[in-house]
Amino acid sequence: MSTIPAELRFAESHEWAKQEGDLIVVGISDHAQEALGDVVFVELPEIGKVFVAGDAAGVVESVKAASDIYSPVAGEVVEVNESLGETPEELNNSPYSSWIFKVKPSNADGDLAKLLDADAYKAAIGE
């Protein structure tokens, strides 16, 4: 059982989102990285790409499988975590501090209110 940070919001597809100023920071949950196994490659979205919430934004590849990363919110990608190119295992080591990309949301909160809070996410994954 993992500790799920209360300040994060979660998509049912296991991405987390956090408001940071006027941006939304996105990563994958501990549950997701555990299910994937050792992450060996991360395909990052392009800066400037605009997503609708739920759009495939990139890919995480592990020794077990490849899995799409979905944008949990609508908006434009303004920054990506380039360091994951050299150290993709950071998603395994610290999933809640290793972000993947940042989005400038299409609306004020990027629809964060539509995502699961930590308690609802715990229930969704059976913790």
N, C-alpha and C. Protein backbone atom coordinates (compact mmCIF):
# COMPACT_ATOMS: atom_id res chain seq x y z
N MET A 1 0.86 -1.19 0.00
CA MET A 1 0.00 0.00 0.00
C MET A 1 0.89 1.24 0.00
N SER A 2 0.61 2.16 -0.89
CA SER A 2 1.43 3.36 -1.02
C SER A 2 0.76 4.54 -0.32
N THR A 3 1.58 5.54 -0.05
CA THR A 3 1.05 6.78 0.48
C THR A 3 0.70 7.67 -0.70
N ILE A 4 -0.56 8.05 -0.78
CA ILE A 4 -1.03 8.86 -1.90
C ILE A 4 -1.17 10.31 -1.42
N PRO A 5 -0.39 11.22 -1.99
CA PRO A 5 -0.43 12.62 -1.54
C PRO A 5 -1.82 13.24 -1.69
N ALA A 6 -2.30 13.82 -0.62
CA ALA A 6 -3.66 14.39 -0.59
C ALA A 6 -3.83 15.57 -1.54
N GLU A 7 -2.75 16.26 -1.89
CA GLU A 7 -2.88 17.45 -2.74
C GLU A 7 -3.02 17.11 -4.23
N LEU A 8 -2.85 15.85 -4.58
CA LEU A 8 -2.94 15.46 -5.98
C LEU A 8 -4.35 15.06 -6.37
N ARG A 9 -4.65 15.17 -7.66
CA ARG A 9 -5.90 14.69 -8.25
C ARG A 9 -5.51 13.59 -9.23
N PHE A 10 -6.40 12.64 -9.46
CA PHE A 10 -6.05 11.46 -10.25
C PHE A 10 -7.07 11.17 -11.34
N ALA A 11 -6.55 10.74 -12.50
CA ALA A 11 -7.40 10.24 -13.56
C ALA A 11 -7.58 8.74 -13.33
N GLU A 12 -8.67 8.19 -13.82
CA GLU A 12 -8.89 6.75 -13.67
C GLU A 12 -7.84 5.95 -14.43
N SER A 13 -7.14 6.59 -15.37
CA SER A 13 -6.07 5.94 -16.12
C SER A 13 -4.72 6.02 -15.39
N HIS A 14 -4.72 6.49 -14.13
CA HIS A 14 -3.58 6.46 -13.21
C HIS A 14 -2.55 7.58 -13.39
N GLU A 15 -2.93 8.66 -14.05
CA GLU A 15 -2.07 9.85 -14.06
C GLU A 15 -2.47 10.73 -12.88
N TRP A 16 -1.49 11.44 -12.31
CA TRP A 16 -1.81 12.43 -11.29
C TRP A 16 -1.64 13.83 -11.89
N ALA A 17 -2.33 14.78 -11.27
CA ALA A 17 -2.25 16.17 -11.71
C ALA A 17 -2.22 17.06 -10.49
N LYS A 18 -1.44 18.13 -10.59
CA LYS A 18 -1.31 19.07 -9.48
C LYS A 18 -1.21 20.48 -10.03
N GLN A 19 -2.00 21.37 -9.44
CA GLN A 19 -1.93 22.79 -9.81
C GLN A 19 -0.65 23.38 -9.25
N GLU A 20 0.10 24.07 -10.11
CA GLU A 20 1.33 24.75 -9.70
C GLU A 20 1.32 26.11 -10.37
N GLY A 21 0.84 27.11 -9.65
CA GLY A 21 0.66 28.43 -10.26
C GLY A 21 -0.43 28.34 -11.31
N ASP A 22 -0.12 28.79 -12.54
CA ASP A 22 -1.13 28.72 -13.61
C ASP A 22 -0.95 27.48 -14.48
N LEU A 23 -0.11 26.53 -14.03
CA LEU A 23 0.13 25.30 -14.78
C LEU A 23 -0.39 24.08 -14.03
N ILE A 24 -0.60 23.00 -14.78
CA ILE A 24 -0.94 21.70 -14.21
C ILE A 24 0.23 20.77 -14.48
N VAL A 25 0.79 20.20 -13.42
CA VAL A 25 1.90 19.26 -13.52
C VAL A 25 1.31 17.85 -13.57
N VAL A 26 1.84 16.99 -14.46
CA VAL A 26 1.29 15.66 -14.68
C VAL A 26 2.38 14.59 -14.51
N GLY A 27 2.00 13.50 -13.84
CA GLY A 27 2.88 12.35 -13.69
C GLY A 27 2.05 11.08 -13.63
N ILE A 28 2.69 9.96 -13.30
CA ILE A 28 1.93 8.71 -13.14
C ILE A 28 1.96 8.29 -11.68
N SER A 29 0.94 7.58 -11.27
CA SER A 29 0.80 7.18 -9.88
C SER A 29 1.75 6.05 -9.51
N ASP A 30 1.94 5.87 -8.21
CA ASP A 30 2.72 4.77 -7.70
C ASP A 30 2.10 3.44 -8.14
N HIS A 31 0.79 3.38 -8.12
CA HIS A 31 0.08 2.17 -8.56
C HIS A 31 0.43 1.84 -10.03
N ALA A 32 0.47 2.87 -10.88
CA ALA A 32 0.79 2.67 -12.29
C ALA A 32 2.22 2.18 -12.48
N GLN A 33 3.17 2.82 -11.81
CA GLN A 33 4.57 2.42 -12.00
C GLN A 33 4.80 1.02 -11.46
N GLU A 34 4.10 0.67 -10.39
CA GLU A 34 4.23 -0.67 -9.82
C GLU A 34 3.69 -1.73 -10.79
N ALA A 35 2.57 -1.43 -11.43
CA ALA A 35 1.98 -2.36 -12.39
C ALA A 35 2.87 -2.51 -13.63
N LEU A 36 3.52 -1.43 -14.04
CA LEU A 36 4.38 -1.47 -15.21
C LEU A 36 5.68 -2.23 -14.97
N GLY A 37 6.22 -2.13 -13.78
CA GLY A 37 7.55 -2.68 -13.52
C GLY A 37 8.61 -1.64 -13.86
N ASP A 38 9.83 -2.11 -14.06
CA ASP A 38 10.95 -1.20 -14.29
C ASP A 38 10.77 -0.40 -15.58
N VAL A 39 10.65 0.93 -15.43
CA VAL A 39 10.48 1.81 -16.58
C VAL A 39 11.83 1.98 -17.28
N VAL A 40 11.83 1.78 -18.61
CA VAL A 40 13.07 1.85 -19.38
C VAL A 40 13.07 2.97 -20.42
N PHE A 41 11.89 3.54 -20.72
CA PHE A 41 11.81 4.59 -21.73
C PHE A 41 10.53 5.39 -21.53
N VAL A 42 10.63 6.70 -21.74
CA VAL A 42 9.46 7.57 -21.69
C VAL A 42 9.42 8.41 -22.96
N GLU A 43 8.31 8.30 -23.70
CA GLU A 43 8.09 9.14 -24.87
C GLU A 43 7.31 10.35 -24.40
N LEU A 44 7.94 11.51 -24.44
CA LEU A 44 7.33 12.74 -23.95
C LEU A 44 6.49 13.41 -25.02
N PRO A 45 5.45 14.14 -24.61
CA PRO A 45 4.67 14.89 -25.61
C PRO A 45 5.48 16.07 -26.15
N GLU A 46 5.06 16.58 -27.27
CA GLU A 46 5.72 17.74 -27.87
C GLU A 46 5.25 19.01 -27.18
N ILE A 47 6.19 19.92 -26.94
CA ILE A 47 5.84 21.23 -26.41
C ILE A 47 5.00 21.94 -27.47
N GLY A 48 3.92 22.56 -27.02
CA GLY A 48 3.01 23.24 -27.94
C GLY A 48 1.82 22.40 -28.34
N LYS A 49 1.88 21.10 -28.09
CA LYS A 49 0.76 20.21 -28.42
C LYS A 49 -0.41 20.53 -27.50
N VAL A 50 -1.60 20.56 -28.08
CA VAL A 50 -2.82 20.86 -27.31
C VAL A 50 -3.63 19.58 -27.17
N PHE A 51 -4.03 19.29 -25.95
CA PHE A 51 -4.79 18.08 -25.66
C PHE A 51 -6.15 18.39 -25.08
N VAL A 52 -7.08 17.52 -25.36
CA VAL A 52 -8.36 17.47 -24.65
C VAL A 52 -8.13 16.46 -23.53
N ALA A 53 -8.77 16.64 -22.40
CA ALA A 53 -8.62 15.70 -21.30
C ALA A 53 -8.92 14.29 -21.80
N GLY A 54 -8.02 13.37 -21.52
CA GLY A 54 -8.19 11.98 -21.94
C GLY A 54 -7.43 11.62 -23.19
N ASP A 55 -6.84 12.61 -23.89
CA ASP A 55 -6.04 12.32 -25.07
C ASP A 55 -4.73 11.63 -24.69
N ALA A 56 -4.28 10.70 -25.52
CA ALA A 56 -2.97 10.09 -25.33
C ALA A 56 -1.91 11.17 -25.54
N ALA A 57 -0.99 11.30 -24.57
CA ALA A 57 0.00 12.36 -24.62
C ALA A 57 1.42 11.84 -24.77
N GLY A 58 1.65 10.58 -24.47
CA GLY A 58 2.98 10.00 -24.55
C GLY A 58 2.90 8.53 -24.22
N VAL A 59 4.07 7.93 -24.01
CA VAL A 59 4.14 6.49 -23.72
C VAL A 59 5.20 6.25 -22.66
N VAL A 60 4.90 5.33 -21.75
CA VAL A 60 5.88 4.82 -20.80
C VAL A 60 6.11 3.36 -21.16
N GLU A 61 7.39 3.02 -21.38
CA GLU A 61 7.73 1.63 -21.69
C GLU A 61 8.49 1.05 -20.51
N SER A 62 8.15 -0.19 -20.19
CA SER A 62 8.82 -0.89 -19.09
C SER A 62 9.30 -2.24 -19.58
N VAL A 63 9.93 -2.99 -18.70
CA VAL A 63 10.39 -4.33 -19.06
C VAL A 63 9.20 -5.25 -19.33
N LYS A 64 8.02 -4.90 -18.81
CA LYS A 64 6.82 -5.72 -18.98
C LYS A 64 5.93 -5.29 -20.14
N ALA A 65 5.78 -3.98 -20.34
CA ALA A 65 4.76 -3.50 -21.28
C ALA A 65 5.02 -2.05 -21.66
N ALA A 66 4.27 -1.59 -22.64
CA ALA A 66 4.23 -0.17 -22.98
C ALA A 66 2.83 0.31 -22.67
N SER A 67 2.73 1.51 -22.11
CA SER A 67 1.43 2.04 -21.72
C SER A 67 1.34 3.51 -22.11
N ASP A 68 0.20 3.88 -22.67
CA ASP A 68 -0.02 5.29 -23.00
C ASP A 68 -0.12 6.12 -21.73
N ILE A 69 0.34 7.36 -21.85
CA ILE A 69 0.13 8.37 -20.80
C ILE A 69 -0.95 9.27 -21.36
N TYR A 70 -1.99 9.51 -20.58
CA TYR A 70 -3.10 10.35 -21.03
C TYR A 70 -3.04 11.69 -20.31
N SER A 71 -3.41 12.74 -21.01
CA SER A 71 -3.49 14.04 -20.37
C SER A 71 -4.74 14.07 -19.52
N PRO A 72 -4.60 14.26 -18.21
CA PRO A 72 -5.78 14.27 -17.35
C PRO A 72 -6.60 15.55 -17.46
N VAL A 73 -6.01 16.57 -18.11
CA VAL A 73 -6.68 17.86 -18.25
C VAL A 73 -6.53 18.38 -19.67
N ALA A 74 -7.37 19.32 -20.04
CA ALA A 74 -7.29 19.96 -21.35
C ALA A 74 -6.32 21.13 -21.28
N GLY A 75 -5.50 21.27 -22.32
CA GLY A 75 -4.60 22.41 -22.36
C GLY A 75 -3.41 22.16 -23.27
N GLU A 76 -2.46 23.09 -23.22
CA GLU A 76 -1.27 23.06 -24.07
C GLU A 76 -0.04 22.66 -23.26
N VAL A 77 0.74 21.73 -23.79
CA VAL A 77 1.98 21.31 -23.15
C VAL A 77 2.98 22.46 -23.26
N VAL A 78 3.51 22.91 -22.12
CA VAL A 78 4.45 24.02 -22.12
C VAL A 78 5.85 23.61 -21.64
N GLU A 79 5.95 22.42 -21.03
CA GLU A 79 7.25 21.95 -20.56
C GLU A 79 7.20 20.44 -20.41
N VAL A 80 8.32 19.78 -20.70
CA VAL A 80 8.43 18.34 -20.50
C VAL A 80 9.66 18.06 -19.65
N ASN A 81 9.65 16.95 -18.95
CA ASN A 81 10.76 16.58 -18.07
C ASN A 81 11.81 15.82 -18.89
N GLU A 82 12.70 16.56 -19.52
CA GLU A 82 13.73 15.99 -20.40
C GLU A 82 14.63 15.00 -19.67
N SER A 83 14.81 15.16 -18.36
CA SER A 83 15.70 14.26 -17.62
C SER A 83 15.22 12.82 -17.63
N LEU A 84 13.93 12.60 -17.91
CA LEU A 84 13.42 11.23 -17.98
C LEU A 84 14.00 10.47 -19.18
N GLY A 85 14.54 11.19 -20.16
CA GLY A 85 15.19 10.55 -21.29
C GLY A 85 16.42 9.77 -20.86
N GLU A 86 17.15 10.31 -19.89
CA GLU A 86 18.35 9.66 -19.39
C GLU A 86 18.09 8.80 -18.16
N THR A 87 17.08 9.17 -17.38
CA THR A 87 16.80 8.43 -16.14
C THR A 87 15.31 8.13 -16.00
N PRO A 88 14.76 7.30 -16.91
CA PRO A 88 13.33 6.99 -16.85
C PRO A 88 12.94 6.26 -15.57
N GLU A 89 13.90 5.61 -14.93
CA GLU A 89 13.62 4.88 -13.69
C GLU A 89 13.19 5.80 -12.54
N GLU A 90 13.36 7.11 -12.72
CA GLU A 90 12.88 8.04 -11.69
C GLU A 90 11.37 7.90 -11.48
N LEU A 91 10.65 7.48 -12.53
CA LEU A 91 9.20 7.25 -12.37
C LEU A 91 8.93 6.10 -11.41
N ASN A 92 9.85 5.13 -11.33
CA ASN A 92 9.72 4.05 -10.36
C ASN A 92 10.18 4.51 -8.97
N ASN A 93 11.29 5.24 -8.94
CA ASN A 93 11.90 5.63 -7.66
C ASN A 93 11.07 6.63 -6.88
N SER A 94 10.49 7.59 -7.57
CA SER A 94 9.71 8.63 -6.88
C SER A 94 8.58 9.11 -7.78
N PRO A 95 7.53 8.30 -7.92
CA PRO A 95 6.47 8.63 -8.87
C PRO A 95 5.73 9.93 -8.57
N TYR A 96 5.67 10.35 -7.31
CA TYR A 96 4.91 11.57 -7.00
C TYR A 96 5.75 12.83 -7.02
N SER A 97 7.05 12.70 -7.26
CA SER A 97 7.86 13.90 -7.47
C SER A 97 8.49 13.92 -8.86
N SER A 98 8.39 12.82 -9.58
CA SER A 98 8.90 12.76 -10.95
C SER A 98 7.76 13.06 -11.92
N TRP A 99 7.70 14.29 -12.34
CA TRP A 99 6.64 14.71 -13.26
C TRP A 99 7.05 14.38 -14.69
N ILE A 100 6.06 14.34 -15.58
CA ILE A 100 6.32 14.01 -16.99
C ILE A 100 6.18 15.24 -17.87
N PHE A 101 5.07 15.99 -17.69
CA PHE A 101 4.89 17.21 -18.48
C PHE A 101 4.03 18.21 -17.71
N LYS A 102 4.08 19.45 -18.18
CA LYS A 102 3.28 20.54 -17.59
C LYS A 102 2.38 21.12 -18.67
N VAL A 103 1.16 21.42 -18.26
CA VAL A 103 0.13 21.90 -19.18
C VAL A 103 -0.36 23.27 -18.74
N LYS A 104 -0.52 24.18 -19.70
CA LYS A 104 -1.24 25.42 -19.45
C LYS A 104 -2.69 25.09 -19.75
N PRO A 105 -3.54 25.02 -18.71
CA PRO A 105 -4.91 24.55 -18.92
C PRO A 105 -5.75 25.48 -19.79
N SER A 106 -6.72 24.86 -20.48
CA SER A 106 -7.63 25.61 -21.34
C SER A 106 -8.58 26.48 -20.55
N ASN A 107 -8.84 26.09 -19.29
CA ASN A 107 -9.67 26.90 -18.41
C ASN A 107 -8.94 27.09 -17.09
N ALA A 108 -9.52 27.80 -16.16
CA ALA A 108 -8.83 28.22 -14.95
C ALA A 108 -8.15 27.07 -14.19
N ASP A 109 -8.85 25.97 -13.95
CA ASP A 109 -8.24 24.89 -13.15
C ASP A 109 -7.97 23.65 -13.99
N GLY A 110 -8.16 23.74 -15.31
CA GLY A 110 -7.89 22.61 -16.17
C GLY A 110 -8.78 21.41 -15.89
N ASP A 111 -9.95 21.66 -15.34
CA ASP A 111 -10.88 20.58 -15.01
C ASP A 111 -10.37 19.66 -13.91
N LEU A 112 -9.50 20.17 -13.03
CA LEU A 112 -9.02 19.35 -11.92
C LEU A 112 -10.16 18.82 -11.07
N ALA A 113 -11.21 19.60 -10.94
CA ALA A 113 -12.34 19.18 -10.09
C ALA A 113 -13.01 17.91 -10.62
N LYS A 114 -12.82 17.60 -11.89
CA LYS A 114 -13.43 16.39 -12.46
C LYS A 114 -12.63 15.13 -12.16
N LEU A 115 -11.40 15.31 -11.65
CA LEU A 115 -10.54 14.17 -11.35
C LEU A 115 -10.80 13.66 -9.93
N LEU A 116 -10.32 12.45 -9.67
CA LEU A 116 -10.50 11.83 -8.35
C LEU A 116 -9.58 12.48 -7.33
N ASP A 117 -10.09 12.69 -6.11
CA ASP A 117 -9.20 13.11 -5.03
C ASP A 117 -8.47 11.87 -4.51
N ALA A 118 -7.54 12.05 -3.57
CA ALA A 118 -6.71 10.94 -3.10
C ALA A 118 -7.56 9.81 -2.51
N ASP A 119 -8.58 10.13 -1.73
CA ASP A 119 -9.42 9.10 -1.12
C ASP A 119 -10.19 8.31 -2.17
N ALA A 120 -10.74 9.00 -3.16
CA ALA A 120 -11.49 8.32 -4.21
C ALA A 120 -10.56 7.46 -5.06
N TYR A 121 -9.32 7.94 -5.27
CA TYR A 121 -8.36 7.15 -6.03
C TYR A 121 -7.96 5.89 -5.25
N LYS A 122 -7.74 6.03 -3.95
CA LYS A 122 -7.43 4.86 -3.12
C LYS A 122 -8.54 3.82 -3.24
N ALA A 123 -9.77 4.27 -3.20
CA ALA A 123 -10.90 3.35 -3.33
C ALA A 123 -10.92 2.71 -4.72
N ALA A 124 -10.60 3.48 -5.75
CA ALA A 124 -10.63 2.97 -7.12
C ALA A 124 -9.58 1.88 -7.36
N ILE A 125 -8.44 1.98 -6.66
CA ILE A 125 -7.39 0.97 -6.84
C ILE A 125 -7.43 -0.09 -5.76
N GLY A 126 -8.43 -0.02 -4.90
CA GLY A 126 -8.62 -1.06 -3.89
C GLY A 126 -7.72 -0.97 -2.68
N GLU A 127 -7.27 0.24 -2.36
CA GLU A 127 -6.43 0.41 -1.15
C GLU A 127 -7.27 0.91 0.01
